[in-house]
Each structure stands twice: as structure tokens, then as C-alpha cells.
Amino acid sequence: MERQSLYIKIAHWYYNLGLTQDEIAKRLSFTRQRINRIINSLADMGIVIIKVNGYELRRRK
């Protein structure tokens, strides 16, 4: 499986389906630590975008 496709699948399982890192690791025969590192790098790779709703950054004058 192509690396980016794998990372997208992990992102979907974690963020959309709510699987734990341990559950994902078991499905892929990876360590939980490896899944944790992948999940922590998803935003840097542009695979996920983290947005906080309800908070507006206002410029100070």
C-alpha cells in the first residue's frame, strides 16, 4: 500500500471512526508508538487540518 494512502486510512480510522491508536496498530500489525508518530505528523503532511470552531483571533489595535 502506498504510504500516503496508508496515512489517509489511519487518519480516517482515528478522526472519523474514533478508533484508538491501539486498535489501529492491531489492524495494521504496527506498534502503538508507530501509529502515534504517524498521527502526530498528519497535520504537518497536510493530510488533516485542525480547526477550532468558536474562537476568533482578533487583531489588537
PDB file of N, CA and C in Angstrom:
ATOM      1  N   MET A   1       0.849  -1.184   0.000  1.00  0.00           N
ATOM      2  CA  MET A   1       0.000   0.000   0.000  1.00  0.00           C
ATOM      3  C   MET A   1       0.892   1.244   0.000  1.00  0.00           C
ATOM      4  N   GLU A   2       0.545   2.195  -0.821  1.00  0.00           N
ATOM      5  CA  GLU A   2       1.285   3.452  -0.890  1.00  0.00           C
ATOM      6  C   GLU A   2       1.229   4.170   0.461  1.00  0.00           C
ATOM      7  N   ARG A   3       2.341   4.775   0.847  1.00  0.00           N
ATOM      8  CA  ARG A   3       2.442   5.407   2.167  1.00  0.00           C
ATOM      9  C   ARG A   3       1.362   6.462   2.406  1.00  0.00           C
ATOM     10  N   GLN A   4       1.121   7.341   1.439  1.00  0.00           N
ATOM     11  CA  GLN A   4       0.120   8.386   1.650  1.00  0.00           C
ATOM     12  C   GLN A   4      -1.272   7.780   1.806  1.00  0.00           C
ATOM     13  N   SER A   5      -1.591   6.760   1.026  1.00  0.00           N
ATOM     14  CA  SER A   5      -2.887   6.087   1.160  1.00  0.00           C
ATOM     15  C   SER A   5      -3.040   5.465   2.545  1.00  0.00           C
ATOM     16  N   LEU A   6      -1.953   4.893   3.044  1.00  0.00           N
ATOM     17  CA  LEU A   6      -1.969   4.310   4.383  1.00  0.00           C
ATOM     18  C   LEU A   6      -2.216   5.397   5.428  1.00  0.00           C
ATOM     19  N   TYR A   7      -1.550   6.530   5.288  1.00  0.00           N
ATOM     20  CA  TYR A   7      -1.717   7.618   6.249  1.00  0.00           C
ATOM     21  C   TYR A   7      -3.136   8.186   6.209  1.00  0.00           C
ATOM     22  N   ILE A   8      -3.719   8.264   5.021  1.00  0.00           N
ATOM     23  CA  ILE A   8      -5.102   8.731   4.901  1.00  0.00           C
ATOM     24  C   ILE A   8      -6.045   7.747   5.586  1.00  0.00           C
ATOM     25  N   LYS A   9      -5.796   6.465   5.410  1.00  0.00           N
ATOM     26  CA  LYS A   9      -6.627   5.443   6.059  1.00  0.00           C
ATOM     27  C   LYS A   9      -6.515   5.554   7.582  1.00  0.00           C
ATOM     28  N   ILE A  10      -5.299   5.737   8.082  1.00  0.00           N
ATOM     29  CA  ILE A  10      -5.102   5.887   9.523  1.00  0.00           C
ATOM     30  C   ILE A  10      -5.840   7.129  10.030  1.00  0.00           C
ATOM     31  N   ALA A  11      -5.748   8.231   9.306  1.00  0.00           N
ATOM     32  CA  ALA A  11      -6.445   9.460   9.693  1.00  0.00           C
ATOM     33  C   ALA A  11      -7.950   9.232   9.745  1.00  0.00           C
ATOM     34  N   HIS A  12      -8.487   8.537   8.751  1.00  0.00           N
ATOM     35  CA  HIS A  12      -9.922   8.247   8.711  1.00  0.00           C
ATOM     36  C   HIS A  12     -10.327   7.392   9.906  1.00  0.00           C
ATOM     37  N   TRP A  13      -9.600   6.347  10.163  1.00  0.00           N
ATOM     38  CA  TRP A  13      -9.932   5.471  11.287  1.00  0.00           C
ATOM     39  C   TRP A  13      -9.877   6.227  12.614  1.00  0.00           C
ATOM     40  N   TYR A  14      -8.863   7.064  12.763  1.00  0.00           N
ATOM     41  CA  TYR A  14      -8.656   7.753  14.033  1.00  0.00           C
ATOM     42  C   TYR A  14      -9.632   8.919  14.232  1.00  0.00           C
ATOM     43  N   TYR A  15      -9.717   9.803  13.236  1.00  0.00           N
ATOM     44  CA  TYR A  15     -10.525  11.016  13.396  1.00  0.00           C
ATOM     45  C   TYR A  15     -11.999  10.828  13.049  1.00  0.00           C
ATOM     46  N   ASN A  16     -12.305  10.041  12.040  1.00  0.00           N
ATOM     47  CA  ASN A  16     -13.705   9.878  11.632  1.00  0.00           C
ATOM     48  C   ASN A  16     -14.407   8.731  12.337  1.00  0.00           C
ATOM     49  N   LEU A  17     -13.720   7.615  12.493  1.00  0.00           N
ATOM     50  CA  LEU A  17     -14.358   6.448  13.103  1.00  0.00           C
ATOM     51  C   LEU A  17     -14.095   6.334  14.597  1.00  0.00           C
ATOM     52  N   GLY A  18     -13.139   7.084  15.098  1.00  0.00           N
ATOM     53  CA  GLY A  18     -12.870   7.097  16.530  1.00  0.00           C
ATOM     54  C   GLY A  18     -12.125   5.879  17.060  1.00  0.00           C
ATOM     55  N   LEU A  19     -11.427   5.156  16.178  1.00  0.00           N
ATOM     56  CA  LEU A  19     -10.633   4.025  16.638  1.00  0.00           C
ATOM     57  C   LEU A  19      -9.468   4.538  17.472  1.00  0.00           C
ATOM     58  N   THR A  20      -9.062   3.735  18.454  1.00  0.00           N
ATOM     59  CA  THR A  20      -7.921   4.117  19.270  1.00  0.00           C
ATOM     60  C   THR A  20      -6.628   3.799  18.524  1.00  0.00           C
ATOM     61  N   GLN A  21      -5.551   4.368  19.008  1.00  0.00           N
ATOM     62  CA  GLN A  21      -4.253   4.076  18.409  1.00  0.00           C
ATOM     63  C   GLN A  21      -3.930   2.594  18.533  1.00  0.00           C
ATOM     64  N   ASP A  22      -4.302   1.993  19.639  1.00  0.00           N
ATOM     65  CA  ASP A  22      -4.065   0.565  19.842  1.00  0.00           C
ATOM     66  C   ASP A  22      -4.861  -0.280  18.844  1.00  0.00           C
ATOM     67  N   GLU A  23      -6.117   0.090  18.603  1.00  0.00           N
ATOM     68  CA  GLU A  23      -6.943  -0.648  17.636  1.00  0.00           C
ATOM     69  C   GLU A  23      -6.366  -0.551  16.224  1.00  0.00           C
ATOM     70  N   ILE A  24      -5.919   0.630  15.857  1.00  0.00           N
ATOM     71  CA  ILE A  24      -5.320   0.822  14.531  1.00  0.00           C
ATOM     72  C   ILE A  24      -4.034   0.015  14.416  1.00  0.00           C
ATOM     73  N   ALA A  25      -3.216   0.063  15.454  1.00  0.00           N
ATOM     74  CA  ALA A  25      -1.954  -0.680  15.451  1.00  0.00           C
ATOM     75  C   ALA A  25      -2.205  -2.173  15.261  1.00  0.00           C
ATOM     76  N   LYS A  26      -3.203  -2.695  15.940  1.00  0.00           N
ATOM     77  CA  LYS A  26      -3.510  -4.125  15.813  1.00  0.00           C
ATOM     78  C   LYS A  26      -3.992  -4.469  14.406  1.00  0.00           C
ATOM     79  N   ARG A  27      -4.798  -3.593  13.805  1.00  0.00           N
ATOM     80  CA  ARG A  27      -5.280  -3.843  12.437  1.00  0.00           C
ATOM     81  C   ARG A  27      -4.137  -3.889  11.433  1.00  0.00           C
ATOM     82  N   LEU A  28      -3.110  -3.091  11.673  1.00  0.00           N
ATOM     83  CA  LEU A  28      -2.014  -2.963  10.710  1.00  0.00           C
ATOM     84  C   LEU A  28      -0.757  -3.736  11.118  1.00  0.00           C
ATOM     85  N   SER A  29      -0.802  -4.379  12.264  1.00  0.00           N
ATOM     86  CA  SER A  29       0.368  -5.073  12.817  1.00  0.00           C
ATOM     87  C   SER A  29       1.544  -4.114  13.000  1.00  0.00           C
ATOM     88  N   PHE A  30       1.235  -2.917  13.497  1.00  0.00           N
ATOM     89  CA  PHE A  30       2.231  -1.908  13.828  1.00  0.00           C
ATOM     90  C   PHE A  30       2.259  -1.776  15.343  1.00  0.00           C
ATOM     91  N   THR A  31       3.277  -1.079  15.854  1.00  0.00           N
ATOM     92  CA  THR A  31       3.261  -0.748  17.275  1.00  0.00           C
ATOM     93  C   THR A  31       2.372   0.479  17.481  1.00  0.00           C
ATOM     94  N   ARG A  32       1.863   0.617  18.702  1.00  0.00           N
ATOM     95  CA  ARG A  32       1.050   1.788  19.010  1.00  0.00           C
ATOM     96  C   ARG A  32       1.906   3.050  18.914  1.00  0.00           C
ATOM     97  N   GLN A  33       3.181   2.940  19.267  1.00  0.00           N
ATOM     98  CA  GLN A  33       4.086   4.083  19.183  1.00  0.00           C
ATOM     99  C   GLN A  33       4.250   4.554  17.736  1.00  0.00           C
ATOM    100  N   ARG A  34       4.326   3.611  16.801  1.00  0.00           N
ATOM    101  CA  ARG A  34       4.447   3.998  15.388  1.00  0.00           C
ATOM    102  C   ARG A  34       3.183   4.723  14.921  1.00  0.00           C
ATOM    103  N   ILE A  35       2.022   4.218  15.320  1.00  0.00           N
ATOM    104  CA  ILE A  35       0.753   4.872  14.959  1.00  0.00           C
ATOM    105  C   ILE A  35       0.710   6.267  15.567  1.00  0.00           C
ATOM    106  N   ASN A  36       1.154   6.401  16.811  1.00  0.00           N
ATOM    107  CA  ASN A  36       1.179   7.707  17.466  1.00  0.00           C
ATOM    108  C   ASN A  36       2.038   8.689  16.689  1.00  0.00           C
ATOM    109  N   ARG A  37       3.214   8.266  16.243  1.00  0.00           N
ATOM    110  CA  ARG A  37       4.091   9.144  15.455  1.00  0.00           C
ATOM    111  C   ARG A  37       3.440   9.537  14.136  1.00  0.00           C
ATOM    112  N   ILE A  38       2.770   8.589  13.493  1.00  0.00           N
ATOM    113  CA  ILE A  38       2.092   8.895  12.223  1.00  0.00           C
ATOM    114  C   ILE A  38       0.977   9.908  12.451  1.00  0.00           C
ATOM    115  N   ILE A  39       0.138   9.668  13.455  1.00  0.00           N
ATOM    116  CA  ILE A  39      -0.980  10.578  13.737  1.00  0.00           C
ATOM    117  C   ILE A  39      -0.462  11.975  14.062  1.00  0.00           C
ATOM    118  N   ASN A  40       0.616  12.048  14.819  1.00  0.00           N
ATOM    119  CA  ASN A  40       1.175  13.359  15.175  1.00  0.00           C
ATOM    120  C   ASN A  40       1.777  14.092  13.987  1.00  0.00           C
ATOM    121  N   SER A  41       2.067  13.395  12.912  1.00  0.00           N
ATOM    122  CA  SER A  41       2.660  14.042  11.733  1.00  0.00           C
ATOM    123  C   SER A  41       1.642  14.330  10.624  1.00  0.00           C
ATOM    124  N   LEU A  42       0.389  13.902  10.785  1.00  0.00           N
ATOM    125  CA  LEU A  42      -0.612  14.049   9.723  1.00  0.00           C
ATOM    126  C   LEU A  42      -0.875  15.506   9.353  1.00  0.00           C
ATOM    127  N   ALA A  43      -0.925  16.398  10.323  1.00  0.00           N
ATOM    128  CA  ALA A  43      -1.167  17.817  10.026  1.00  0.00           C
ATOM    129  C   ALA A  43       0.016  18.421   9.277  1.00  0.00           C
ATOM    130  N   ASP A  44       1.225  18.063   9.690  1.00  0.00           N
ATOM    131  CA  ASP A  44       2.422  18.578   9.006  1.00  0.00           C
ATOM    132  C   ASP A  44       2.482  18.121   7.551  1.00  0.00           C
ATOM    133  N   MET A  45       1.940  16.941   7.273  1.00  0.00           N
ATOM    134  CA  MET A  45       1.928  16.409   5.908  1.00  0.00           C
ATOM    135  C   MET A  45       0.764  16.953   5.088  1.00  0.00           C
ATOM    136  N   GLY A  46      -0.149  17.692   5.719  1.00  0.00           N
ATOM    137  CA  GLY A  46      -1.294  18.242   5.010  1.00  0.00           C
ATOM    138  C   GLY A  46      -2.435  17.257   4.812  1.00  0.00           C
ATOM    139  N   ILE A  47      -2.383  16.130   5.508  1.00  0.00           N
ATOM    140  CA  ILE A  47      -3.438  15.126   5.364  1.00  0.00           C
ATOM    141  C   ILE A  47      -4.654  15.495   6.206  1.00  0.00           C
ATOM    142  N   VAL A  48      -4.427  16.103   7.360  1.00  0.00           N
ATOM    143  CA  VAL A  48      -5.527  16.591   8.185  1.00  0.00           C
ATOM    144  C   VAL A  48      -5.327  18.079   8.439  1.00  0.00           C
ATOM    145  N   ILE A  49      -6.433  18.756   8.652  1.00  0.00           N
ATOM    146  CA  ILE A  49      -6.414  20.166   9.016  1.00  0.00           C
ATOM    147  C   ILE A  49      -7.151  20.275  10.340  1.00  0.00           C
ATOM    148  N   ILE A  50      -6.503  20.871  11.309  1.00  0.00           N
ATOM    149  CA  ILE A  50      -7.122  21.018  12.623  1.00  0.00           C
ATOM    150  C   ILE A  50      -7.670  22.433  12.719  1.00  0.00           C
ATOM    151  N   LYS A  51      -8.974  22.515  12.985  1.00  0.00           N
ATOM    152  CA  LYS A  51      -9.653  23.803  13.046  1.00  0.00           C
ATOM    153  C   LYS A  51     -10.403  23.888  14.367  1.00  0.00           C
ATOM    154  N   VAL A  52     -10.290  25.002  15.035  1.00  0.00           N
ATOM    155  CA  VAL A  52     -11.009  25.219  16.281  1.00  0.00           C
ATOM    156  C   VAL A  52     -12.190  26.128  15.978  1.00  0.00           C
ATOM    157  N   ASN A  53     -13.396  25.600  16.153  1.00  0.00           N
ATOM    158  CA  ASN A  53     -14.605  26.388  15.914  1.00  0.00           C
ATOM    159  C   ASN A  53     -14.951  27.205  17.145  1.00  0.00           C
ATOM    160  N   GLY A  54     -15.474  28.401  16.920  1.00  0.00           N
ATOM    161  CA  GLY A  54     -15.945  29.229  18.011  1.00  0.00           C
ATOM    162  C   GLY A  54     -14.893  30.151  18.596  1.00  0.00           C
ATOM    163  N   TYR A  55     -13.722  30.176  18.021  1.00  0.00           N
ATOM    164  CA  TYR A  55     -12.678  31.073  18.518  1.00  0.00           C
ATOM    165  C   TYR A  55     -12.192  31.923  17.370  1.00  0.00           C
ATOM    166  N   GLU A  56     -12.300  33.220  17.540  1.00  0.00           N
ATOM    167  CA  GLU A  56     -11.832  34.119  16.504  1.00  0.00           C
ATOM    168  C   GLU A  56     -10.632  34.889  16.991  1.00  0.00           C
ATOM    169  N   LEU A  57      -9.616  34.930  16.190  1.00  0.00           N
ATOM    170  CA  LEU A  57      -8.426  35.698  16.519  1.00  0.00           C
ATOM    171  C   LEU A  57      -8.674  37.131  16.067  1.00  0.00           C
ATOM    172  N   ARG A  58      -8.636  38.039  17.013  1.00  0.00           N
ATOM    173  CA  ARG A  58      -8.884  39.444  16.692  1.00  0.00           C
ATOM    174  C   ARG A  58      -7.576  40.198  16.774  1.00  0.00           C
ATOM    175  N   ARG A  59      -7.400  41.082  15.823  1.00  0.00           N
ATOM    176  CA  ARG A  59      -6.220  41.920  15.815  1.00  0.00           C
ATOM    177  C   ARG A  59      -6.368  43.022  16.867  1.00  0.00           C
ATOM    178  N   ARG A  60      -5.297  43.247  17.581  1.00  0.00           N
ATOM    179  CA  ARG A  60      -5.297  44.353  18.549  1.00  0.00           C
ATOM    180  C   ARG A  60      -4.818  45.617  17.855  1.00  0.00           C
ATOM    181  N   LYS A  61      -5.477  46.702  18.153  1.00  0.00           N
ATOM    182  CA  LYS A  61      -5.115  47.978  17.553  1.00  0.00           C
ATOM    183  C   LYS A  61      -4.454  48.868  18.545  1.00  0.00           C
TER     184      LYS A  61
END
